[in-house]
C-alpha atoms as a PDB file:
ATOM      1  CA  UNK A   1       0.017   0.069   0.039  1.00  0.00           C
ATOM      2  CA  UNK A   2       2.937   2.295   0.690  1.00  0.00           C
ATOM      3  CA  UNK A   3       3.812   2.200  -3.030  1.00  0.00           C
ATOM      4  CA  UNK A   4       0.529   3.763  -4.156  1.00  0.00           C
ATOM      5  CA  UNK A   5       1.052   6.742  -1.863  1.00  0.00           C
ATOM      6  CA  UNK A   6       1.919  10.058  -3.334  1.00  0.00           C
ATOM      7  CA  UNK A   7       4.438  12.041  -1.561  1.00  0.00           C
ATOM      8  CA  UNK A   8       2.845  15.011   0.383  1.00  0.00           C
ATOM      9  CA  UNK A   9      -0.825  13.468  -0.169  1.00  0.00           C
ATOM     10  CA  UNK A  10      -2.867  12.510   2.813  1.00  0.00           C
ATOM     11  CA  UNK A  11      -2.949   8.891   3.818  1.00  0.00           C
ATOM     12  CA  UNK A  12      -6.625   7.808   2.917  1.00  0.00           C
ATOM     13  CA  UNK A  13      -6.393   4.993   5.376  1.00  0.00           C
ATOM     14  CA  UNK A  14      -6.178   7.438   8.213  1.00  0.00           C
ATOM     15  CA  UNK A  15     -10.075   8.316   7.943  1.00  0.00           C
ATOM     16  CA  UNK A  16      -9.564  12.046   7.380  1.00  0.00           C
ATOM     17  CA  UNK A  17     -11.565  11.959   4.261  1.00  0.00           C
ATOM     18  CA  UNK A  18     -14.359  10.306   6.215  1.00  0.00           C
ATOM     19  CA  UNK A  19     -14.333  13.187   8.632  1.00  0.00           C
ATOM     20  CA  UNK A  20     -14.190  15.661   5.709  1.00  0.00           C
ATOM     21  CA  UNK A  21     -17.158  14.139   4.029  1.00  0.00           C
ATOM     22  CA  UNK A  22     -19.048  13.928   7.270  1.00  0.00           C
ATOM     23  CA  UNK A  23     -18.442  17.614   8.084  1.00  0.00           C
ATOM     24  CA  UNK A  24     -19.744  18.667   4.697  1.00  0.00           C
ATOM     25  CA  UNK A  25     -22.767  16.415   5.109  1.00  0.00           C
ATOM     26  CA  UNK A  26     -23.478  18.007   8.535  1.00  0.00           C
ATOM     27  CA  UNK A  27     -23.077  21.549   7.355  1.00  0.00           C
ATOM     28  CA  UNK A  28     -24.999  21.200   4.075  1.00  0.00           C
ATOM     29  CA  UNK A  29     -27.707  18.899   5.166  1.00  0.00           C
ATOM     30  CA  UNK A  30     -29.728  21.386   7.251  1.00  0.00           C
ATOM     31  CA  UNK A  31     -29.529  23.814   4.256  1.00  0.00           C
ATOM     32  CA  UNK A  32     -30.712  21.090   1.898  1.00  0.00           C
ATOM     33  CA  UNK A  33     -33.411  20.003   4.227  1.00  0.00           C
ATOM     34  CA  UNK A  34     -34.591  23.615   4.515  1.00  0.00           C
ATOM     35  CA  UNK A  35     -34.734  24.092   0.813  1.00  0.00           C
ATOM     36  CA  UNK A  36     -36.708  20.927   0.353  1.00  0.00           C
ATOM     37  CA  UNK A  37     -38.977  21.814   3.041  1.00  0.00           C
ATOM     38  CA  UNK A  38     -39.635  25.312   1.530  1.00  0.00           C
ATOM     39  CA  UNK A  39     -40.262  23.737  -1.794  1.00  0.00           C
ATOM     40  CA  UNK A  40     -42.716  21.135  -0.302  1.00  0.00           C
ATOM     41  CA  UNK A  41     -44.702  24.002   1.547  1.00  0.00           C
ATOM     42  CA  UNK A  42     -44.841  25.981  -1.563  1.00  0.00           C
ATOM     43  CA  UNK A  43     -46.235  23.105  -3.622  1.00  0.00           C
ATOM     44  CA  UNK A  44     -48.821  22.141  -0.802  1.00  0.00           C
ATOM     45  CA  UNK A  45     -49.898  25.863  -0.577  1.00  0.00           C
ATOM     46  CA  UNK A  46     -50.346  25.748  -4.324  1.00  0.00           C
ATOM     47  CA  UNK A  47     -52.361  22.577  -4.208  1.00  0.00           C
ATOM     48  CA  UNK A  48     -54.569  23.751  -1.407  1.00  0.00           C
ATOM     49  CA  UNK A  49     -55.664  26.805  -3.398  1.00  0.00           C
ATOM     50  CA  UNK A  50     -58.782  26.570  -5.176  1.00  0.00           C
ATOM     51  CA  UNK A  51     -58.160  26.195  -8.966  1.00  0.00           C
ATOM     52  CA  UNK A  52     -61.142  28.751  -9.713  1.00  0.00           C
ATOM     53  CA  UNK A  53     -59.380  31.133  -7.435  1.00  0.00           C
ATOM     54  CA  UNK A  54     -56.196  30.526  -9.239  1.00  0.00           C
ATOM     55  CA  UNK A  55     -58.026  31.234 -12.512  1.00  0.00           C
ATOM     56  CA  UNK A  56     -59.781  34.141 -11.205  1.00  0.00           C
ATOM     57  CA  UNK A  57     -56.397  35.671 -10.085  1.00  0.00           C
ATOM     58  CA  UNK A  58     -54.795  34.907 -13.315  1.00  0.00           C
ATOM     59  CA  UNK A  59     -57.661  36.620 -15.284  1.00  0.00           C
ATOM     60  CA  UNK A  60     -57.540  39.549 -12.967  1.00  0.00           C
ATOM     61  CA  UNK A  61     -53.836  39.892 -13.735  1.00  0.00           C
ATOM     62  CA  UNK A  62     -54.547  39.627 -17.367  1.00  0.00           C
ATOM     63  CA  UNK A  63     -57.197  42.377 -17.062  1.00  0.00           C
ATOM     64  CA  UNK A  64     -54.822  44.600 -15.237  1.00  0.00           C
ATOM     65  CA  UNK A  65     -51.980  43.983 -17.718  1.00  0.00           C
ATOM     66  CA  UNK A  66     -54.584  44.992 -20.502  1.00  0.00           C
ATOM     67  CA  UNK A  67     -55.669  48.192 -18.725  1.00  0.00           C
ATOM     68  CA  UNK A  68     -52.056  49.224 -18.403  1.00  0.00           C
ATOM     69  CA  UNK A  69     -51.497  48.508 -22.051  1.00  0.00           C
ATOM     70  CA  UNK A  70     -54.476  50.558 -23.027  1.00  0.00           C
ATOM     71  CA  UNK A  71     -53.368  53.473 -20.870  1.00  0.00           C
ATOM     72  CA  UNK A  72     -49.842  53.256 -22.208  1.00  0.00           C
ATOM     73  CA  UNK A  73     -51.499  53.069 -25.810  1.00  0.00           C
ATOM     74  CA  UNK A  74     -53.596  56.191 -24.960  1.00  0.00           C
ATOM     75  CA  UNK A  75     -50.411  57.868 -23.866  1.00  0.00           C
ATOM     76  CA  UNK A  76     -48.578  56.836 -26.997  1.00  0.00           C
ATOM     77  CA  UNK A  77     -51.456  58.128 -29.127  1.00  0.00           C
ATOM     78  CA  UNK A  78     -51.488  61.451 -27.492  1.00  0.00           C
ATOM     79  CA  UNK A  79     -47.748  61.929 -27.773  1.00  0.00           C
ATOM     80  CA  UNK A  80     -47.854  60.794 -31.469  1.00  0.00           C
ATOM     81  CA  UNK A  81     -50.600  63.355 -31.961  1.00  0.00           C
ATOM     82  CA  UNK A  82     -48.608  66.188 -30.310  1.00  0.00           C
ATOM     83  CA  UNK A  83     -45.564  65.388 -32.425  1.00  0.00           C
ATOM     84  CA  UNK A  84     -47.656  65.427 -35.594  1.00  0.00           C
ATOM     85  CA  UNK A  85     -49.081  68.862 -34.620  1.00  0.00           C
ATOM     86  CA  UNK A  86     -45.735  70.125 -33.878  1.00  0.00           C
ATOM     87  CA  UNK A  87     -44.368  68.765 -37.279  1.00  0.00           C
ATOM     88  CA  UNK A  88     -47.316  70.300 -39.096  1.00  0.00           C
ATOM     89  CA  UNK A  89     -46.623  73.602 -37.420  1.00  0.00           C
ATOM     90  CA  UNK A  90     -42.986  73.505 -38.268  1.00  0.00           C
ATOM     91  CA  UNK A  91     -43.916  72.713 -41.940  1.00  0.00           C
ATOM     92  CA  UNK A  92     -46.304  75.592 -41.966  1.00  0.00           C
ATOM     93  CA  UNK A  93     -43.819  77.877 -40.510  1.00  0.00           C
ATOM     94  CA  UNK A  94     -41.154  76.747 -43.052  1.00  0.00           C
ATOM     95  CA  UNK A  95     -43.551  77.376 -46.097  1.00  0.00           C
ATOM     96  CA  UNK A  96     -44.422  80.810 -44.805  1.00  0.00           C
ATOM     97  CA  UNK A  97     -40.664  81.593 -44.380  1.00  0.00           C
ATOM     98  CA  UNK A  98     -40.053  80.350 -47.880  1.00  0.00           C
ATOM     99  CA  UNK A  99     -42.977  82.481 -49.189  1.00  0.00           C
ATOM    100  CA  UNK A 100     -41.463  85.433 -47.313  1.00  0.00           C
ATOM    101  CA  UNK A 101     -38.159  84.787 -48.636  1.00  0.00           C
ATOM    102  CA  UNK A 102     -39.585  84.640 -52.178  1.00  0.00           C
ATOM    103  CA  UNK A 103     -41.357  87.989 -51.428  1.00  0.00           C
ATOM    104  CA  UNK A 104     -38.141  89.532 -50.106  1.00  0.00           C
ATOM    105  CA  UNK A 105     -36.227  88.310 -53.154  1.00  0.00           C
ATOM    106  CA  UNK A 106     -38.753  89.873 -55.428  1.00  0.00           C
ATOM    107  CA  UNK A 107     -38.481  93.183 -53.622  1.00  0.00           C
ATOM    108  CA  UNK A 108     -34.793  93.104 -53.603  1.00  0.00           C
ATOM    109  CA  UNK A 109     -34.792  92.641 -57.229  1.00  0.00           C
ATOM    110  CA  UNK A 110     -37.257  95.718 -57.650  1.00  0.00           C
ATOM    111  CA  UNK A 111     -34.956  97.699 -55.364  1.00  0.00           C
ATOM    112  CA  UNK A 112     -31.928  96.900 -57.572  1.00  0.00           C
ATOM    113  CA  UNK A 113     -33.726  97.629 -60.768  1.00  0.00           C
ATOM    114  CA  UNK A 114     -34.740 100.929 -59.207  1.00  0.00           C
ATOM    115  CA  UNK A 115     -31.280 101.656 -58.096  1.00  0.00           C
ATOM    116  CA  UNK A 116     -29.616 100.747 -61.284  1.00  0.00           C
ATOM    117  CA  UNK A 117     -32.262 102.743 -63.017  1.00  0.00           C
ATOM    118  CA  UNK A 118     -31.498 105.850 -60.888  1.00  0.00           C
ATOM    119  CA  UNK A 119     -27.792 105.226 -61.220  1.00  0.00           C
ATOM    120  CA  UNK A 120     -28.083 105.297 -65.127  1.00  0.00           C
ATOM    121  CA  UNK A 121     -30.197 108.312 -65.010  1.00  0.00           C
ATOM    122  CA  UNK A 122     -27.761 110.074 -62.581  1.00  0.00           C
ATOM    123  CA  UNK A 123     -24.675 109.143 -64.818  1.00  0.00           C
ATOM    124  CA  UNK A 124     -26.506 110.487 -68.030  1.00  0.00           C
ATOM    125  CA  UNK A 125     -27.523 113.802 -66.272  1.00  0.00           C
ATOM    126  CA  UNK A 126     -23.810 114.249 -65.100  1.00  0.00           C
ATOM    127  CA  UNK A 127     -22.636 113.650 -68.709  1.00  0.00           C
ATOM    128  CA  UNK A 128     -25.171 116.247 -70.038  1.00  0.00           C
ATOM    129  CA  UNK A 129     -23.971 118.753 -67.310  1.00  0.00           C
ATOM    130  CA  UNK A 130     -20.183 118.013 -68.168  1.00  0.00           C
ATOM    131  CA  UNK A 131     -20.841 118.647 -72.016  1.00  0.00           C
ATOM    132  CA  UNK A 132     -22.914 121.665 -71.261  1.00  0.00           C
ATOM    133  CA  UNK A 133     -20.047 123.217 -68.960  1.00  0.00           C
ATOM    134  CA  UNK A 134     -17.438 122.106 -71.631  1.00  0.00           C
ATOM    135  CA  UNK A 135     -19.533 124.001 -74.459  1.00  0.00           C
ATOM    136  CA  UNK A 136     -20.117 127.120 -72.300  1.00  0.00           C
ATOM    137  CA  UNK A 137     -16.458 127.122 -71.447  1.00  0.00           C
ATOM    138  CA  UNK A 138     -15.524 126.756 -75.284  1.00  0.00           C
ATOM    139  CA  UNK A 139     -18.104 129.511 -76.255  1.00  0.00           C
ATOM    140  CA  UNK A 140     -16.989 132.030 -73.484  1.00  0.00           C
ATOM    141  CA  UNK A 141     -13.266 131.445 -73.754  1.00  0.00           C
ATOM    142  CA  UNK A 142     -13.148 132.028 -77.562  1.00  0.00           C
ATOM    143  CA  UNK A 143     -14.463 135.568 -77.557  1.00  0.00           C
ATOM    144  CA  UNK A 144     -12.497 136.456 -74.512  1.00  0.00           C
ATOM    145  CA  UNK A 145      -9.374 135.158 -76.315  1.00  0.00           C
ATOM    146  CA  UNK A 146     -10.161 137.186 -79.365  1.00  0.00           C
ATOM    147  CA  UNK A 147     -10.924 140.273 -77.165  1.00  0.00           C
ATOM    148  CA  UNK A 148      -7.546 140.016 -75.318  1.00  0.00           C
ATOM    149  CA  UNK A 149      -5.722 139.777 -78.786  1.00  0.00           C
ATOM    150  CA  UNK A 150      -7.495 142.760 -79.997  1.00  0.00           C
ATOM    151  CA  UNK A 151      -7.006 144.751 -76.993  1.00  0.00           C
ATOM    152  CA  UNK A 152      -3.516 143.954 -76.182  1.00  0.00           C
ATOM    153  CA  UNK A 153      -0.959 145.298 -78.783  1.00  0.00           C
END
């Protein structure tokens, strides 16, 4: 038997393993008994209940779940309606802004045309004025030049 013994391993023939298994059994058995007893009591309680009462409770729970689902559905529909109203308001506002932008572009184009027209008219008037001053200057300077030549020997 000594040949099968591994160095440093406990000697199984000494009975330590019996004590270890016994200790585990003594510690674990009350817990196991408690779990089995609790399961047995729960099954007995369930078996002692009236099946019609169980069915009634389940129907009540289903009705409660449907009531909650209906309330949630109503809330979701209300939220969806509010979001759709907000979306429609935003679309209407965007269309109004687009319309105002088109009006503003039309007005800006008209203002530009007016300014360009006024600018062209102003340029033409200044040109006429400059030609008039040139002609007047030429008409006045020639007689003055001739008079100076005749009067100064």
